[in-house]
Protein backbone atom coordinates (compact mmCIF):
# COMPACT_ATOMS: atom_id res chain seq x y z
CA UNK A 1 0.00 0.00 0.00
CA UNK A 2 2.90 2.38 0.71
CA UNK A 3 4.10 1.75 -2.83
CA UNK A 4 0.72 2.73 -4.28
CA UNK A 5 0.48 5.82 -2.08
CA UNK A 6 3.93 6.89 -3.24
CA UNK A 7 3.61 6.15 -6.94
CA UNK A 8 -0.17 6.28 -7.37
CA UNK A 9 -0.14 9.55 -9.28
CA UNK A 10 2.25 8.05 -11.82
CA UNK A 11 -0.28 5.27 -12.33
CA UNK A 12 -2.98 7.94 -12.70
CA UNK A 13 -1.05 9.63 -15.51
CA UNK A 14 -0.28 6.26 -17.11
CA UNK A 15 -4.00 5.50 -17.07
CA UNK A 16 -4.79 8.79 -18.81
CA UNK A 17 -2.03 8.34 -21.38
CA UNK A 18 -2.98 4.74 -22.08
CA UNK A 19 -6.72 5.39 -22.40
CA UNK A 20 -6.35 8.60 -24.39
CA UNK A 21 -3.97 7.10 -26.96
CA UNK A 22 -5.99 3.92 -27.48
CA UNK A 23 -8.09 5.04 -30.48
CA UNK A 24 -5.22 6.80 -32.22
CA UNK A 25 -2.85 3.85 -32.04
CA UNK A 26 -5.46 1.19 -32.82
CA UNK A 27 -6.80 3.41 -35.59
CA UNK A 28 -3.58 2.74 -37.50
CA UNK A 29 -4.62 -0.92 -37.76
CA UNK A 30 -8.27 -0.16 -38.50
CA UNK A 31 -8.02 2.49 -41.26
CA UNK A 32 -11.53 1.82 -42.61
CA UNK A 33 -13.04 3.09 -39.34
CA UNK A 34 -13.91 6.77 -39.66
CA UNK A 35 -12.89 8.17 -36.29
CA UNK A 36 -14.63 11.45 -37.03
CA UNK A 37 -18.05 9.77 -37.14
CA UNK A 38 -17.66 6.66 -34.95
CA UNK A 39 -17.32 6.46 -31.17
CA UNK A 40 -14.35 4.76 -29.57
CA UNK A 41 -16.27 1.77 -28.22
CA UNK A 42 -16.67 0.54 -31.84
CA UNK A 43 -13.05 -0.62 -31.61
CA UNK A 44 -14.36 -3.30 -29.26
CA UNK A 45 -17.24 -4.39 -31.51
CA UNK A 46 -17.36 -8.10 -32.35
CA UNK A 47 -16.66 -7.24 -36.01
CA UNK A 48 -13.61 -5.09 -35.23
CA UNK A 49 -10.21 -6.40 -36.42
CA UNK A 50 -8.56 -4.85 -33.36
CA UNK A 51 -11.18 -6.06 -30.89
CA UNK A 52 -8.82 -8.23 -28.83
CA UNK A 53 -6.20 -5.51 -28.47
CA UNK A 54 -8.84 -2.92 -27.58
CA UNK A 55 -10.42 -5.08 -24.87
CA UNK A 56 -7.09 -5.92 -23.24
CA UNK A 57 -5.88 -2.32 -23.52
CA UNK A 58 -9.08 -1.04 -21.89
CA UNK A 59 -8.65 -3.37 -18.92
CA UNK A 60 -4.98 -2.35 -18.51
CA UNK A 61 -5.93 1.35 -18.58
CA UNK A 62 -8.61 0.69 -15.97
CA UNK A 63 -6.14 -1.12 -13.72
CA UNK A 64 -3.81 1.90 -13.84
CA UNK A 65 -6.67 4.12 -12.62
CA UNK A 66 -7.56 1.68 -9.83
CA UNK A 67 -3.91 1.55 -8.69
CA UNK A 68 -4.01 5.34 -8.28
CA UNK A 69 -6.90 5.30 -5.81
CA UNK A 70 -4.90 4.94 -2.55
CA UNK A 71 -2.76 7.97 -3.43
CA UNK A 72 -5.80 10.06 -4.40
CA UNK A 73 -7.57 9.18 -1.15
CA UNK A 74 -4.47 9.80 0.96
CA UNK A 75 -4.03 13.29 -0.54
CA UNK A 76 -7.15 14.68 1.10
CA UNK A 77 -8.17 12.30 3.86
CA UNK A 78 -6.95 14.75 6.51
CA UNK A 79 -9.02 17.54 4.93
CA UNK A 80 -12.23 15.54 4.62
CA UNK A 81 -12.54 11.76 4.72
CA UNK A 82 -15.91 11.87 2.97
CA UNK A 83 -14.72 14.10 0.13
CA UNK A 84 -11.51 12.08 -0.21
CA UNK A 85 -13.61 8.93 -0.66
CA UNK A 86 -15.81 10.69 -3.23
CA UNK A 87 -12.77 11.98 -5.13
CA UNK A 88 -11.20 8.52 -5.28
CA UNK A 89 -14.56 6.96 -6.13
CA UNK A 90 -14.97 9.28 -9.11
CA UNK A 91 -11.77 7.92 -10.64
CA UNK A 92 -12.62 4.40 -9.50
CA UNK A 93 -15.98 4.60 -11.29
CA UNK A 94 -14.27 5.62 -14.49
CA UNK A 95 -11.49 3.03 -14.24
CA UNK A 96 -13.87 0.18 -13.49
CA UNK A 97 -17.05 1.25 -15.28
CA UNK A 98 -15.70 2.85 -18.43
CA UNK A 99 -12.40 1.00 -18.86
CA UNK A 100 -12.46 -2.44 -17.22
CA UNK A 101 -16.14 -3.07 -18.02
CA UNK A 102 -15.49 -1.94 -21.60
CA UNK A 103 -12.79 -4.58 -21.85
CA UNK A 104 -14.85 -7.35 -20.26
CA UNK A 105 -18.22 -6.53 -21.87
CA UNK A 106 -17.98 -5.49 -25.52
CA UNK A 107 -20.76 -4.23 -27.76
CA UNK A 108 -22.24 -5.79 -30.89
CA UNK A 109 -23.53 -3.16 -33.32
CA UNK A 110 -24.82 -5.89 -35.65
CA UNK A 111 -27.43 -6.99 -33.12
CA UNK A 112 -30.84 -5.33 -33.51
CA UNK A 113 -31.40 -5.36 -29.75
CA UNK A 114 -29.01 -4.92 -26.87
CA UNK A 115 -27.35 -8.06 -25.55
CA UNK A 116 -26.46 -8.58 -21.86
CA UNK A 117 -22.88 -7.59 -22.67
CA UNK A 118 -24.06 -4.39 -24.38
CA UNK A 119 -26.27 -3.50 -21.41
CA UNK A 120 -23.42 -3.96 -18.91
CA UNK A 121 -21.04 -2.08 -21.19
CA UNK A 122 -23.34 0.92 -21.64
CA UNK A 123 -24.43 1.14 -18.00
CA UNK A 124 -20.85 0.82 -16.78
CA UNK A 125 -19.70 3.36 -19.32
CA UNK A 126 -22.42 5.81 -18.27
CA UNK A 127 -21.57 5.53 -14.58
CA UNK A 128 -17.87 5.76 -15.33
CA UNK A 129 -18.31 8.86 -17.46
CA UNK A 130 -20.34 10.47 -14.68
CA UNK A 131 -17.41 9.93 -12.30
CA UNK A 132 -15.12 11.32 -14.97
CA UNK A 133 -17.14 14.54 -15.15
CA UNK A 134 -17.62 15.23 -11.43
CA UNK A 135 -13.97 14.58 -10.46
CA UNK A 136 -12.94 18.26 -10.76
CA UNK A 137 -16.02 19.34 -8.79
CA UNK A 138 -14.70 17.51 -5.72
CA UNK A 139 -11.31 19.16 -6.23
CA UNK A 140 -12.97 22.59 -6.30
CA UNK A 141 -14.66 21.84 -2.95
CA UNK A 142 -11.58 20.25 -1.36
CA UNK A 143 -9.25 23.09 -2.26
CA UNK A 144 -11.82 25.56 -0.96
CA UNK A 145 -11.72 23.72 2.34
CA UNK A 146 -7.91 23.92 2.45
CA UNK A 147 -8.02 27.64 1.69
CA UNK A 148 -6.24 27.24 -1.64
CA UNK A 149 -8.49 29.49 -3.73
CA UNK A 150 -6.06 29.60 -6.66
CA UNK A 151 -6.22 25.85 -7.25
CA UNK A 152 -9.93 25.82 -6.50
CA UNK A 153 -10.53 28.43 -9.19
CA UNK A 154 -8.32 26.58 -11.68
CA UNK A 155 -10.34 23.40 -11.27
CA UNK A 156 -13.57 25.39 -11.45
CA UNK A 157 -12.56 26.68 -14.89
CA UNK A 158 -11.50 23.18 -15.95
CA UNK A 159 -14.82 21.81 -14.67
CA UNK A 160 -16.81 24.32 -16.71
CA UNK A 161 -14.82 23.63 -19.89
CA UNK A 162 -15.13 19.89 -19.31
CA UNK A 163 -18.90 20.12 -18.85
CA UNK A 164 -19.31 22.32 -21.93
CA UNK A 165 -17.36 19.88 -24.11
CA UNK A 166 -19.35 16.98 -22.66
CA UNK A 167 -22.53 18.90 -23.48
CA UNK A 168 -21.50 19.20 -27.12
CA UNK A 169 -20.78 15.46 -27.20
CA UNK A 170 -24.17 14.82 -25.60
CA UNK A 171 -25.91 16.88 -28.30
CA UNK A 172 -24.09 14.87 -30.96
CA UNK A 173 -25.76 11.75 -29.58
CA UNK A 174 -29.28 13.20 -29.96
CA UNK A 175 -30.87 12.23 -33.31
CA UNK A 176 -32.73 15.53 -33.57
CA UNK A 177 -29.47 17.50 -33.39
CA UNK A 178 -26.75 15.25 -34.77
CA UNK A 179 -27.35 16.33 -38.37
CA UNK A 180 -26.00 19.81 -37.62
CA UNK A 181 -22.44 20.87 -38.53
CA UNK A 182 -19.82 19.56 -36.09
CA UNK A 183 -22.52 17.59 -34.23
CA UNK A 184 -22.68 15.23 -37.21
CA UNK A 185 -19.11 14.20 -36.32
CA UNK A 186 -19.85 12.33 -33.10
CA UNK A 187 -16.43 10.70 -33.02
CA UNK A 188 -14.74 14.09 -33.22
CA UNK A 189 -17.03 15.49 -30.50
CA UNK A 190 -16.27 12.53 -28.24
CA UNK A 191 -12.53 12.85 -28.63
CA UNK A 192 -12.57 16.61 -28.00
CA UNK A 193 -14.75 16.02 -24.95
CA UNK A 194 -12.39 13.36 -23.60
CA UNK A 195 -9.42 15.69 -24.02
CA UNK A 196 -11.01 18.34 -21.81
CA UNK A 197 -12.37 15.68 -19.42
CA UNK A 198 -8.86 14.33 -18.94
CA UNK A 199 -7.27 17.77 -18.49
CA UNK A 200 -8.25 18.21 -14.79
CA UNK A 201 -6.93 14.72 -14.01
CA UNK A 202 -3.62 15.42 -15.74
CA UNK A 203 -3.24 18.79 -14.02
CA UNK A 204 -4.05 17.19 -10.67
CA UNK A 205 -1.65 14.28 -11.20
CA UNK A 206 1.27 16.49 -12.23
CA UNK A 207 0.55 18.94 -9.40
CA UNK A 208 0.59 16.15 -6.79
CA UNK A 209 3.81 14.65 -8.17
CA UNK A 210 5.52 18.03 -8.03
CA UNK A 211 4.19 18.78 -4.56
CA UNK A 212 7.01 18.36 -1.98
C-alpha atoms as a PDB file:
ATOM      1  CA  UNK A   1       0.000   0.000   0.000  1.00  0.00           C
ATOM      2  CA  UNK A   2       2.902   2.377   0.707  1.00  0.00           C
ATOM      3  CA  UNK A   3       4.102   1.754  -2.833  1.00  0.00           C
ATOM      4  CA  UNK A   4       0.719   2.734  -4.282  1.00  0.00           C
ATOM      5  CA  UNK A   5       0.479   5.819  -2.078  1.00  0.00           C
ATOM      6  CA  UNK A   6       3.933   6.891  -3.236  1.00  0.00           C
ATOM      7  CA  UNK A   7       3.606   6.146  -6.939  1.00  0.00           C
ATOM      8  CA  UNK A   8      -0.166   6.284  -7.371  1.00  0.00           C
ATOM      9  CA  UNK A   9      -0.139   9.553  -9.283  1.00  0.00           C
ATOM     10  CA  UNK A  10       2.252   8.052 -11.821  1.00  0.00           C
ATOM     11  CA  UNK A  11      -0.284   5.272 -12.327  1.00  0.00           C
ATOM     12  CA  UNK A  12      -2.977   7.943 -12.704  1.00  0.00           C
ATOM     13  CA  UNK A  13      -1.055   9.634 -15.507  1.00  0.00           C
ATOM     14  CA  UNK A  14      -0.282   6.261 -17.114  1.00  0.00           C
ATOM     15  CA  UNK A  15      -3.998   5.502 -17.072  1.00  0.00           C
ATOM     16  CA  UNK A  16      -4.788   8.794 -18.808  1.00  0.00           C
ATOM     17  CA  UNK A  17      -2.027   8.341 -21.384  1.00  0.00           C
ATOM     18  CA  UNK A  18      -2.985   4.739 -22.079  1.00  0.00           C
ATOM     19  CA  UNK A  19      -6.715   5.391 -22.400  1.00  0.00           C
ATOM     20  CA  UNK A  20      -6.350   8.600 -24.385  1.00  0.00           C
ATOM     21  CA  UNK A  21      -3.967   7.101 -26.957  1.00  0.00           C
ATOM     22  CA  UNK A  22      -5.992   3.918 -27.477  1.00  0.00           C
ATOM     23  CA  UNK A  23      -8.093   5.038 -30.483  1.00  0.00           C
ATOM     24  CA  UNK A  24      -5.220   6.796 -32.222  1.00  0.00           C
ATOM     25  CA  UNK A  25      -2.852   3.848 -32.040  1.00  0.00           C
ATOM     26  CA  UNK A  26      -5.459   1.195 -32.820  1.00  0.00           C
ATOM     27  CA  UNK A  27      -6.795   3.408 -35.592  1.00  0.00           C
ATOM     28  CA  UNK A  28      -3.582   2.737 -37.496  1.00  0.00           C
ATOM     29  CA  UNK A  29      -4.618  -0.919 -37.755  1.00  0.00           C
ATOM     30  CA  UNK A  30      -8.273  -0.156 -38.500  1.00  0.00           C
ATOM     31  CA  UNK A  31      -8.025   2.492 -41.256  1.00  0.00           C
ATOM     32  CA  UNK A  32     -11.534   1.818 -42.608  1.00  0.00           C
ATOM     33  CA  UNK A  33     -13.042   3.094 -39.344  1.00  0.00           C
ATOM     34  CA  UNK A  34     -13.909   6.766 -39.655  1.00  0.00           C
ATOM     35  CA  UNK A  35     -12.890   8.169 -36.288  1.00  0.00           C
ATOM     36  CA  UNK A  36     -14.628  11.448 -37.030  1.00  0.00           C
ATOM     37  CA  UNK A  37     -18.047   9.770 -37.141  1.00  0.00           C
ATOM     38  CA  UNK A  38     -17.663   6.664 -34.950  1.00  0.00           C
ATOM     39  CA  UNK A  39     -17.324   6.460 -31.172  1.00  0.00           C
ATOM     40  CA  UNK A  40     -14.351   4.760 -29.573  1.00  0.00           C
ATOM     41  CA  UNK A  41     -16.267   1.770 -28.222  1.00  0.00           C
ATOM     42  CA  UNK A  42     -16.669   0.538 -31.835  1.00  0.00           C
ATOM     43  CA  UNK A  43     -13.052  -0.620 -31.605  1.00  0.00           C
ATOM     44  CA  UNK A  44     -14.364  -3.302 -29.258  1.00  0.00           C
ATOM     45  CA  UNK A  45     -17.237  -4.387 -31.509  1.00  0.00           C
ATOM     46  CA  UNK A  46     -17.356  -8.097 -32.353  1.00  0.00           C
ATOM     47  CA  UNK A  47     -16.656  -7.244 -36.009  1.00  0.00           C
ATOM     48  CA  UNK A  48     -13.610  -5.087 -35.227  1.00  0.00           C
ATOM     49  CA  UNK A  49     -10.210  -6.399 -36.416  1.00  0.00           C
ATOM     50  CA  UNK A  50      -8.557  -4.855 -33.356  1.00  0.00           C
ATOM     51  CA  UNK A  51     -11.180  -6.062 -30.887  1.00  0.00           C
ATOM     52  CA  UNK A  52      -8.815  -8.230 -28.834  1.00  0.00           C
ATOM     53  CA  UNK A  53      -6.200  -5.507 -28.471  1.00  0.00           C
ATOM     54  CA  UNK A  54      -8.844  -2.916 -27.579  1.00  0.00           C
ATOM     55  CA  UNK A  55     -10.421  -5.085 -24.871  1.00  0.00           C
ATOM     56  CA  UNK A  56      -7.085  -5.920 -23.238  1.00  0.00           C
ATOM     57  CA  UNK A  57      -5.885  -2.325 -23.519  1.00  0.00           C
ATOM     58  CA  UNK A  58      -9.078  -1.037 -21.890  1.00  0.00           C
ATOM     59  CA  UNK A  59      -8.646  -3.366 -18.917  1.00  0.00           C
ATOM     60  CA  UNK A  60      -4.985  -2.354 -18.514  1.00  0.00           C
ATOM     61  CA  UNK A  61      -5.933   1.348 -18.581  1.00  0.00           C
ATOM     62  CA  UNK A  62      -8.612   0.693 -15.968  1.00  0.00           C
ATOM     63  CA  UNK A  63      -6.145  -1.121 -13.722  1.00  0.00           C
ATOM     64  CA  UNK A  64      -3.814   1.896 -13.840  1.00  0.00           C
ATOM     65  CA  UNK A  65      -6.667   4.123 -12.619  1.00  0.00           C
ATOM     66  CA  UNK A  66      -7.556   1.685  -9.832  1.00  0.00           C
ATOM     67  CA  UNK A  67      -3.913   1.548  -8.687  1.00  0.00           C
ATOM     68  CA  UNK A  68      -4.006   5.337  -8.284  1.00  0.00           C
ATOM     69  CA  UNK A  69      -6.902   5.301  -5.806  1.00  0.00           C
ATOM     70  CA  UNK A  70      -4.902   4.939  -2.551  1.00  0.00           C
ATOM     71  CA  UNK A  71      -2.760   7.970  -3.433  1.00  0.00           C
ATOM     72  CA  UNK A  72      -5.798  10.062  -4.397  1.00  0.00           C
ATOM     73  CA  UNK A  73      -7.569   9.180  -1.154  1.00  0.00           C
ATOM     74  CA  UNK A  74      -4.466   9.805   0.957  1.00  0.00           C
ATOM     75  CA  UNK A  75      -4.033  13.289  -0.539  1.00  0.00           C
ATOM     76  CA  UNK A  76      -7.154  14.679   1.102  1.00  0.00           C
ATOM     77  CA  UNK A  77      -8.172  12.295   3.864  1.00  0.00           C
ATOM     78  CA  UNK A  78      -6.949  14.753   6.506  1.00  0.00           C
ATOM     79  CA  UNK A  79      -9.020  17.541   4.930  1.00  0.00           C
ATOM     80  CA  UNK A  80     -12.225  15.537   4.618  1.00  0.00           C
ATOM     81  CA  UNK A  81     -12.536  11.763   4.719  1.00  0.00           C
ATOM     82  CA  UNK A  82     -15.912  11.870   2.969  1.00  0.00           C
ATOM     83  CA  UNK A  83     -14.723  14.096   0.133  1.00  0.00           C
ATOM     84  CA  UNK A  84     -11.509  12.079  -0.209  1.00  0.00           C
ATOM     85  CA  UNK A  85     -13.612   8.935  -0.662  1.00  0.00           C
ATOM     86  CA  UNK A  86     -15.814  10.688  -3.232  1.00  0.00           C
ATOM     87  CA  UNK A  87     -12.770  11.982  -5.125  1.00  0.00           C
ATOM     88  CA  UNK A  88     -11.197   8.523  -5.280  1.00  0.00           C
ATOM     89  CA  UNK A  89     -14.562   6.960  -6.125  1.00  0.00           C
ATOM     90  CA  UNK A  90     -14.972   9.280  -9.114  1.00  0.00           C
ATOM     91  CA  UNK A  91     -11.770   7.916 -10.640  1.00  0.00           C
ATOM     92  CA  UNK A  92     -12.622   4.402  -9.503  1.00  0.00           C
ATOM     93  CA  UNK A  93     -15.980   4.598 -11.288  1.00  0.00           C
ATOM     94  CA  UNK A  94     -14.270   5.618 -14.493  1.00  0.00           C
ATOM     95  CA  UNK A  95     -11.493   3.035 -14.238  1.00  0.00           C
ATOM     96  CA  UNK A  96     -13.871   0.180 -13.491  1.00  0.00           C
ATOM     97  CA  UNK A  97     -17.054   1.250 -15.283  1.00  0.00           C
ATOM     98  CA  UNK A  98     -15.698   2.851 -18.426  1.00  0.00           C
ATOM     99  CA  UNK A  99     -12.398   1.001 -18.858  1.00  0.00           C
ATOM    100  CA  UNK A 100     -12.460  -2.436 -17.223  1.00  0.00           C
ATOM    101  CA  UNK A 101     -16.143  -3.067 -18.021  1.00  0.00           C
ATOM    102  CA  UNK A 102     -15.488  -1.937 -21.603  1.00  0.00           C
ATOM    103  CA  UNK A 103     -12.788  -4.583 -21.847  1.00  0.00           C
ATOM    104  CA  UNK A 104     -14.853  -7.346 -20.265  1.00  0.00           C
ATOM    105  CA  UNK A 105     -18.217  -6.534 -21.871  1.00  0.00           C
ATOM    106  CA  UNK A 106     -17.977  -5.490 -25.516  1.00  0.00           C
ATOM    107  CA  UNK A 107     -20.758  -4.229 -27.761  1.00  0.00           C
ATOM    108  CA  UNK A 108     -22.244  -5.790 -30.893  1.00  0.00           C
ATOM    109  CA  UNK A 109     -23.528  -3.161 -33.324  1.00  0.00           C
ATOM    110  CA  UNK A 110     -24.821  -5.887 -35.651  1.00  0.00           C
ATOM    111  CA  UNK A 111     -27.432  -6.986 -33.115  1.00  0.00           C
ATOM    112  CA  UNK A 112     -30.840  -5.325 -33.506  1.00  0.00           C
ATOM    113  CA  UNK A 113     -31.401  -5.356 -29.748  1.00  0.00           C
ATOM    114  CA  UNK A 114     -29.007  -4.924 -26.869  1.00  0.00           C
ATOM    115  CA  UNK A 115     -27.346  -8.062 -25.551  1.00  0.00           C
ATOM    116  CA  UNK A 116     -26.461  -8.577 -21.860  1.00  0.00           C
ATOM    117  CA  UNK A 117     -22.881  -7.588 -22.673  1.00  0.00           C
ATOM    118  CA  UNK A 118     -24.055  -4.386 -24.385  1.00  0.00           C
ATOM    119  CA  UNK A 119     -26.272  -3.505 -21.408  1.00  0.00           C
ATOM    120  CA  UNK A 120     -23.425  -3.957 -18.912  1.00  0.00           C
ATOM    121  CA  UNK A 121     -21.042  -2.080 -21.193  1.00  0.00           C
ATOM    122  CA  UNK A 122     -23.343   0.918 -21.641  1.00  0.00           C
ATOM    123  CA  UNK A 123     -24.435   1.136 -17.995  1.00  0.00           C
ATOM    124  CA  UNK A 124     -20.846   0.821 -16.776  1.00  0.00           C
ATOM    125  CA  UNK A 125     -19.701   3.364 -19.319  1.00  0.00           C
ATOM    126  CA  UNK A 126     -22.420   5.807 -18.267  1.00  0.00           C
ATOM    127  CA  UNK A 127     -21.570   5.526 -14.575  1.00  0.00           C
ATOM    128  CA  UNK A 128     -17.869   5.764 -15.334  1.00  0.00           C
ATOM    129  CA  UNK A 129     -18.308   8.856 -17.457  1.00  0.00           C
ATOM    130  CA  UNK A 130     -20.336  10.474 -14.679  1.00  0.00           C
ATOM    131  CA  UNK A 131     -17.412   9.934 -12.298  1.00  0.00           C
ATOM    132  CA  UNK A 132     -15.116  11.320 -14.972  1.00  0.00           C
ATOM    133  CA  UNK A 133     -17.143  14.543 -15.149  1.00  0.00           C
ATOM    134  CA  UNK A 134     -17.616  15.229 -11.432  1.00  0.00           C
ATOM    135  CA  UNK A 135     -13.974  14.578 -10.461  1.00  0.00           C
ATOM    136  CA  UNK A 136     -12.939  18.263 -10.763  1.00  0.00           C
ATOM    137  CA  UNK A 137     -16.017  19.343  -8.786  1.00  0.00           C
ATOM    138  CA  UNK A 138     -14.705  17.509  -5.717  1.00  0.00           C
ATOM    139  CA  UNK A 139     -11.313  19.158  -6.234  1.00  0.00           C
ATOM    140  CA  UNK A 140     -12.969  22.590  -6.297  1.00  0.00           C
ATOM    141  CA  UNK A 141     -14.657  21.837  -2.954  1.00  0.00           C
ATOM    142  CA  UNK A 142     -11.583  20.252  -1.365  1.00  0.00           C
ATOM    143  CA  UNK A 143      -9.249  23.089  -2.256  1.00  0.00           C
ATOM    144  CA  UNK A 144     -11.820  25.565  -0.962  1.00  0.00           C
ATOM    145  CA  UNK A 145     -11.721  23.718   2.343  1.00  0.00           C
ATOM    146  CA  UNK A 146      -7.910  23.921   2.455  1.00  0.00           C
ATOM    147  CA  UNK A 147      -8.024  27.642   1.693  1.00  0.00           C
ATOM    148  CA  UNK A 148      -6.241  27.242  -1.639  1.00  0.00           C
ATOM    149  CA  UNK A 149      -8.491  29.492  -3.733  1.00  0.00           C
ATOM    150  CA  UNK A 150      -6.063  29.595  -6.659  1.00  0.00           C
ATOM    151  CA  UNK A 151      -6.221  25.851  -7.246  1.00  0.00           C
ATOM    152  CA  UNK A 152      -9.926  25.818  -6.503  1.00  0.00           C
ATOM    153  CA  UNK A 153     -10.531  28.435  -9.194  1.00  0.00           C
ATOM    154  CA  UNK A 154      -8.321  26.585 -11.679  1.00  0.00           C
ATOM    155  CA  UNK A 155     -10.343  23.400 -11.267  1.00  0.00           C
ATOM    156  CA  UNK A 156     -13.571  25.386 -11.449  1.00  0.00           C
ATOM    157  CA  UNK A 157     -12.561  26.676 -14.888  1.00  0.00           C
ATOM    158  CA  UNK A 158     -11.497  23.179 -15.947  1.00  0.00           C
ATOM    159  CA  UNK A 159     -14.817  21.806 -14.675  1.00  0.00           C
ATOM    160  CA  UNK A 160     -16.814  24.321 -16.705  1.00  0.00           C
ATOM    161  CA  UNK A 161     -14.820  23.634 -19.888  1.00  0.00           C
ATOM    162  CA  UNK A 162     -15.127  19.891 -19.307  1.00  0.00           C
ATOM    163  CA  UNK A 163     -18.904  20.119 -18.851  1.00  0.00           C
ATOM    164  CA  UNK A 164     -19.309  22.315 -21.934  1.00  0.00           C
ATOM    165  CA  UNK A 165     -17.363  19.881 -24.109  1.00  0.00           C
ATOM    166  CA  UNK A 166     -19.352  16.980 -22.663  1.00  0.00           C
ATOM    167  CA  UNK A 167     -22.528  18.897 -23.478  1.00  0.00           C
ATOM    168  CA  UNK A 168     -21.496  19.196 -27.119  1.00  0.00           C
ATOM    169  CA  UNK A 169     -20.783  15.457 -27.204  1.00  0.00           C
ATOM    170  CA  UNK A 170     -24.172  14.824 -25.600  1.00  0.00           C
ATOM    171  CA  UNK A 171     -25.906  16.881 -28.298  1.00  0.00           C
ATOM    172  CA  UNK A 172     -24.091  14.866 -30.963  1.00  0.00           C
ATOM    173  CA  UNK A 173     -25.764  11.747 -29.581  1.00  0.00           C
ATOM    174  CA  UNK A 174     -29.278  13.197 -29.965  1.00  0.00           C
ATOM    175  CA  UNK A 175     -30.869  12.227 -33.315  1.00  0.00           C
ATOM    176  CA  UNK A 176     -32.734  15.527 -33.573  1.00  0.00           C
ATOM    177  CA  UNK A 177     -29.470  17.496 -33.391  1.00  0.00           C
ATOM    178  CA  UNK A 178     -26.747  15.253 -34.774  1.00  0.00           C
ATOM    179  CA  UNK A 179     -27.347  16.331 -38.371  1.00  0.00           C
ATOM    180  CA  UNK A 180     -26.004  19.809 -37.621  1.00  0.00           C
ATOM    181  CA  UNK A 181     -22.440  20.873 -38.526  1.00  0.00           C
ATOM    182  CA  UNK A 182     -19.821  19.555 -36.086  1.00  0.00           C
ATOM    183  CA  UNK A 183     -22.518  17.587 -34.227  1.00  0.00           C
ATOM    184  CA  UNK A 184     -22.683  15.228 -37.206  1.00  0.00           C
ATOM    185  CA  UNK A 185     -19.111  14.204 -36.320  1.00  0.00           C
ATOM    186  CA  UNK A 186     -19.845  12.332 -33.096  1.00  0.00           C
ATOM    187  CA  UNK A 187     -16.425  10.695 -33.018  1.00  0.00           C
ATOM    188  CA  UNK A 188     -14.741  14.089 -33.215  1.00  0.00           C
ATOM    189  CA  UNK A 189     -17.028  15.494 -30.503  1.00  0.00           C
ATOM    190  CA  UNK A 190     -16.274  12.526 -28.240  1.00  0.00           C
ATOM    191  CA  UNK A 191     -12.529  12.846 -28.625  1.00  0.00           C
ATOM    192  CA  UNK A 192     -12.570  16.609 -28.001  1.00  0.00           C
ATOM    193  CA  UNK A 193     -14.747  16.017 -24.949  1.00  0.00           C
ATOM    194  CA  UNK A 194     -12.393  13.359 -23.605  1.00  0.00           C
ATOM    195  CA  UNK A 195      -9.416  15.686 -24.023  1.00  0.00           C
ATOM    196  CA  UNK A 196     -11.013  18.345 -21.811  1.00  0.00           C
ATOM    197  CA  UNK A 197     -12.372  15.684 -19.417  1.00  0.00           C
ATOM    198  CA  UNK A 198      -8.857  14.335 -18.938  1.00  0.00           C
ATOM    199  CA  UNK A 199      -7.271  17.765 -18.485  1.00  0.00           C
ATOM    200  CA  UNK A 200      -8.254  18.213 -14.786  1.00  0.00           C
ATOM    201  CA  UNK A 201      -6.935  14.720 -14.013  1.00  0.00           C
ATOM    202  CA  UNK A 202      -3.619  15.422 -15.743  1.00  0.00           C
ATOM    203  CA  UNK A 203      -3.239  18.794 -14.017  1.00  0.00           C
ATOM    204  CA  UNK A 204      -4.045  17.189 -10.669  1.00  0.00           C
ATOM    205  CA  UNK A 205      -1.647  14.284 -11.198  1.00  0.00           C
ATOM    206  CA  UNK A 206       1.273  16.489 -12.230  1.00  0.00           C
ATOM    207  CA  UNK A 207       0.552  18.937  -9.398  1.00  0.00           C
ATOM    208  CA  UNK A 208       0.589  16.153  -6.786  1.00  0.00           C
ATOM    209  CA  UNK A 209       3.806  14.646  -8.169  1.00  0.00           C
ATOM    210  CA  UNK A 210       5.518  18.032  -8.034  1.00  0.00           C
ATOM    211  CA  UNK A 211       4.190  18.777  -4.559  1.00  0.00           C
ATOM    212  CA  UNK A 212       7.011  18.363  -1.985  1.00  0.00           C
END
